[in-house]
Protein backbone atom coordinates (compact mmCIF):
# COMPACT_ATOMS: atom_id res chain seq x y z
CA UNK A 1 -24.25 2.95 30.70
CA UNK A 2 -23.21 6.45 31.83
CA UNK A 3 -19.74 5.10 32.61
CA UNK A 4 -19.35 3.77 29.04
CA UNK A 5 -20.47 7.08 27.49
CA UNK A 6 -18.19 9.08 29.79
CA UNK A 7 -15.17 6.87 28.96
CA UNK A 8 -16.01 7.09 25.25
CA UNK A 9 -16.12 10.91 25.41
CA UNK A 10 -12.81 11.03 27.30
CA UNK A 11 -11.20 8.74 24.73
CA UNK A 12 -12.65 10.85 21.91
CA UNK A 13 -11.27 14.06 23.48
CA UNK A 14 -7.82 12.51 23.90
CA UNK A 15 -7.85 11.37 20.26
CA UNK A 16 -8.87 14.83 19.00
CA UNK A 17 -6.16 16.54 21.08
CA UNK A 18 -3.46 14.05 20.01
CA UNK A 19 -4.47 14.34 16.35
CA UNK A 20 -4.43 18.13 16.51
CA UNK A 21 -0.98 18.15 18.15
CA UNK A 22 0.37 15.73 15.53
CA UNK A 23 -1.02 17.93 12.75
CA UNK A 24 0.56 21.05 14.24
CA UNK A 25 3.91 19.25 14.69
CA UNK A 26 3.80 18.10 11.07
CA UNK A 27 3.16 21.63 9.80
CA UNK A 28 5.92 23.11 11.96
CA UNK A 29 8.55 20.55 10.90
CA UNK A 30 7.60 20.13 7.23
CA UNK A 31 9.51 23.14 5.86
CA UNK A 32 12.74 22.52 7.83
CA UNK A 33 12.74 18.87 6.72
CA UNK A 34 12.33 19.87 3.07
CA UNK A 35 15.12 22.47 3.40
CA UNK A 36 17.44 19.94 5.04
CA UNK A 37 16.75 17.46 2.22
CA UNK A 38 17.52 20.14 -0.40
CA UNK A 39 20.77 20.99 1.39
CA UNK A 40 21.79 17.31 1.43
CA UNK A 41 21.07 17.06 -2.29
CA UNK A 42 23.12 20.19 -3.02
CA UNK A 43 26.02 18.82 -0.96
CA UNK A 44 25.84 15.50 -2.81
CA UNK A 45 25.82 17.29 -6.18
CA UNK A 46 28.93 19.24 -5.18
CA UNK A 47 30.61 16.04 -4.00
CA UNK A 48 30.13 14.18 -7.30
CA UNK A 49 31.01 17.20 -9.49
CA UNK A 50 33.47 19.58 -7.87
CA UNK A 51 33.40 23.19 -9.10
CA UNK A 52 30.31 22.57 -11.22
CA UNK A 53 27.14 24.58 -11.54
CA UNK A 54 23.85 22.77 -11.85
CA UNK A 55 20.75 23.76 -13.77
CA UNK A 56 17.23 22.94 -12.75
CA UNK A 57 16.28 19.40 -11.83
CA UNK A 58 15.04 17.57 -14.93
CA UNK A 59 12.42 14.87 -14.40
CA UNK A 60 12.47 11.73 -16.50
CA UNK A 61 10.01 11.57 -19.34
CA UNK A 62 6.89 9.76 -18.08
CA UNK A 63 7.27 7.10 -20.79
CA UNK A 64 10.73 6.15 -19.43
CA UNK A 65 9.85 5.82 -15.73
CA UNK A 66 8.86 2.15 -16.02
CA UNK A 67 12.05 1.34 -17.92
CA UNK A 68 14.30 3.19 -15.43
CA UNK A 69 12.43 2.98 -12.09
CA UNK A 70 15.46 3.89 -9.93
CA UNK A 71 16.35 7.07 -11.86
CA UNK A 72 14.08 9.84 -10.61
CA UNK A 73 15.68 12.91 -12.19
CA UNK A 74 18.96 14.48 -13.28
CA UNK A 75 20.85 17.76 -13.45
CA UNK A 76 23.16 19.11 -16.12
CA UNK A 77 26.57 19.88 -14.64
CA UNK A 78 28.45 22.76 -16.24
CA UNK A 79 31.95 24.05 -15.59
CA UNK A 80 32.81 27.47 -17.07
CA UNK A 81 29.47 27.37 -18.94
CA UNK A 82 30.48 24.14 -20.72
CA UNK A 83 28.54 20.90 -20.24
CA UNK A 84 30.75 18.67 -18.07
CA UNK A 85 28.26 15.86 -17.49
CA UNK A 86 25.16 14.88 -15.59
CA UNK A 87 24.26 14.22 -11.97
CA UNK A 88 21.45 11.73 -11.48
CA UNK A 89 19.18 11.45 -8.45
CA UNK A 90 18.57 7.78 -7.76
CA UNK A 91 16.26 5.97 -5.35
CA UNK A 92 16.64 2.20 -5.18
CA UNK A 93 14.25 0.04 -3.17
CA UNK A 94 16.56 -2.98 -3.28
CA UNK A 95 18.58 -2.11 -0.16
CA UNK A 96 18.52 -4.44 2.83
CA UNK A 97 16.99 -1.71 5.01
CA UNK A 98 14.73 -0.25 2.31
CA UNK A 99 15.28 2.74 0.04
CA UNK A 100 18.72 4.14 -0.65
CA UNK A 101 18.72 7.62 -2.18
CA UNK A 102 21.89 8.95 -3.75
CA UNK A 103 23.45 11.05 -6.50
CA UNK A 104 25.53 9.57 -9.35
CA UNK A 105 27.76 11.81 -11.44
CA UNK A 106 28.71 10.90 -15.02
CA UNK A 107 31.16 12.97 -17.04
CA UNK A 108 30.62 13.84 -20.67
CA UNK A 109 33.79 11.81 -21.36
CA UNK A 110 32.01 8.64 -20.18
CA UNK A 111 33.31 8.10 -16.66
CA UNK A 112 31.65 8.03 -13.26
CA UNK A 113 32.68 11.12 -11.31
CA UNK A 114 31.38 9.70 -8.05
CA UNK A 115 28.37 8.73 -5.97
CA UNK A 116 27.13 10.29 -2.76
CA UNK A 117 24.47 8.84 -0.47
CA UNK A 118 21.72 11.28 0.55
CA UNK A 119 19.51 8.99 2.62
CA UNK A 120 19.63 5.33 3.65
CA UNK A 121 18.36 3.03 6.38
CA UNK A 122 20.88 0.23 6.03
CA UNK A 123 22.24 -1.72 9.01
CA UNK A 124 24.78 0.35 10.98
CA UNK A 125 28.28 -1.11 10.66
CA UNK A 126 27.28 -3.18 7.62
CA UNK A 127 25.15 -1.79 4.79
CA UNK A 128 25.50 1.76 6.13
CA UNK A 129 29.15 1.52 5.03
CA UNK A 130 27.87 2.27 1.51
CA UNK A 131 28.10 5.95 2.49
CA UNK A 132 31.78 5.63 3.46
CA UNK A 133 34.60 6.55 1.06
CA UNK A 134 36.05 3.02 1.12
CA UNK A 135 32.98 1.77 -0.76
CA UNK A 136 31.66 4.73 -2.72
CA UNK A 137 35.06 5.87 -4.02
CA UNK A 138 35.36 2.59 -5.95
CA UNK A 139 32.96 4.01 -8.53
CA UNK A 140 35.10 7.06 -9.33
CA UNK A 141 36.60 6.93 -12.85
CA UNK A 142 34.83 3.68 -13.79
CA UNK A 143 33.73 3.69 -17.41
CA UNK A 144 30.04 4.09 -18.19
CA UNK A 145 29.68 0.37 -18.80
CA UNK A 146 27.81 -2.25 -16.77
CA UNK A 147 29.48 -2.87 -13.41
CA UNK A 148 29.54 -6.12 -11.44
CA UNK A 149 29.78 -6.68 -7.68
CA UNK A 150 32.50 -9.13 -6.62
CA UNK A 151 33.47 -10.52 -3.22
CA UNK A 152 37.19 -9.81 -3.30
CA UNK A 153 39.51 -6.96 -2.47
CA UNK A 154 41.06 -6.70 -5.94
CA UNK A 155 38.21 -5.72 -8.26
CA UNK A 156 38.82 -5.35 -11.98
CA UNK A 157 38.08 -2.32 -14.15
CA UNK A 158 34.33 -2.93 -14.25
CA UNK A 159 33.97 -4.51 -10.81
CA UNK A 160 32.97 -3.18 -7.40
CA UNK A 161 34.18 -4.94 -4.26
CA UNK A 162 31.18 -5.79 -2.06
CA UNK A 163 30.93 -4.49 1.47
CA UNK A 164 31.76 -7.40 3.78
CA UNK A 165 28.50 -8.97 5.07
CA UNK A 166 26.45 -6.43 3.09
CA UNK A 167 26.28 -7.86 -0.42
CA UNK A 168 22.59 -6.92 -0.77
CA UNK A 169 23.38 -3.24 -0.21
CA UNK A 170 26.41 -3.40 -2.52
CA UNK A 171 24.33 -4.94 -5.29
CA UNK A 172 21.45 -2.49 -4.75
CA UNK A 173 23.73 0.52 -5.19
CA UNK A 174 25.53 -1.03 -8.16
CA UNK A 175 22.27 -2.07 -9.87
CA UNK A 176 21.00 1.51 -9.54
CA UNK A 177 24.31 2.89 -10.91
CA UNK A 178 24.01 0.44 -13.82
CA UNK A 179 20.51 1.74 -14.53
CA UNK A 180 21.88 5.29 -14.60
CA UNK A 181 24.63 4.17 -16.99
CA UNK A 182 22.08 2.52 -19.28
CA UNK A 183 19.88 5.64 -19.23
CA UNK A 184 22.90 7.85 -19.94
CA UNK A 185 24.15 5.69 -22.82
CA UNK A 186 20.73 5.03 -24.35
CA UNK A 187 18.68 8.15 -23.73
CA UNK A 188 21.13 11.04 -23.31
CA UNK A 189 24.13 10.06 -25.42
CA UNK A 190 21.89 8.09 -27.77
CA UNK A 191 19.90 11.26 -28.39
CA UNK A 192 16.42 10.03 -27.47
CA UNK A 193 15.91 12.48 -24.57
């Protein structure tokens, strides 16, 4: 009986020490992780809208979250104090490896200015290629109309060529971009927001 109590107390002490160390590690690393995430977002904003200034992050109206679940927020992009467009923060859960978080830029003239991946857990060498220029640059200058993913190397005006062996990732990114386009056309340009 004494042996069981002694082993239980030792196990309890180890658990308390491990839990305390994990809590301390979390507190120490929390701020640097948040700062690194902010820096990645700022870099992505600059990549989709060169030479633009961005206002505060604007959250979606609570009533629209269910209609646009991938669009989490947006920024107004200004150049020389003139509205140049919007940069949308997007998180899609449809990726093969889980969530893909990225920024989508849309100009006031109705074209995509670019996309930039902030965070993803897609398969290296396959879905992770979504962050490479060969894939993401396809979106630049596309009209703000619904885009389709195709499996060929000669996509049309409203088509995106899928990443070879990573169609799920290609469709996830494109579906999220399409949701941004719908939000932009319906809520921002349509005047509801």
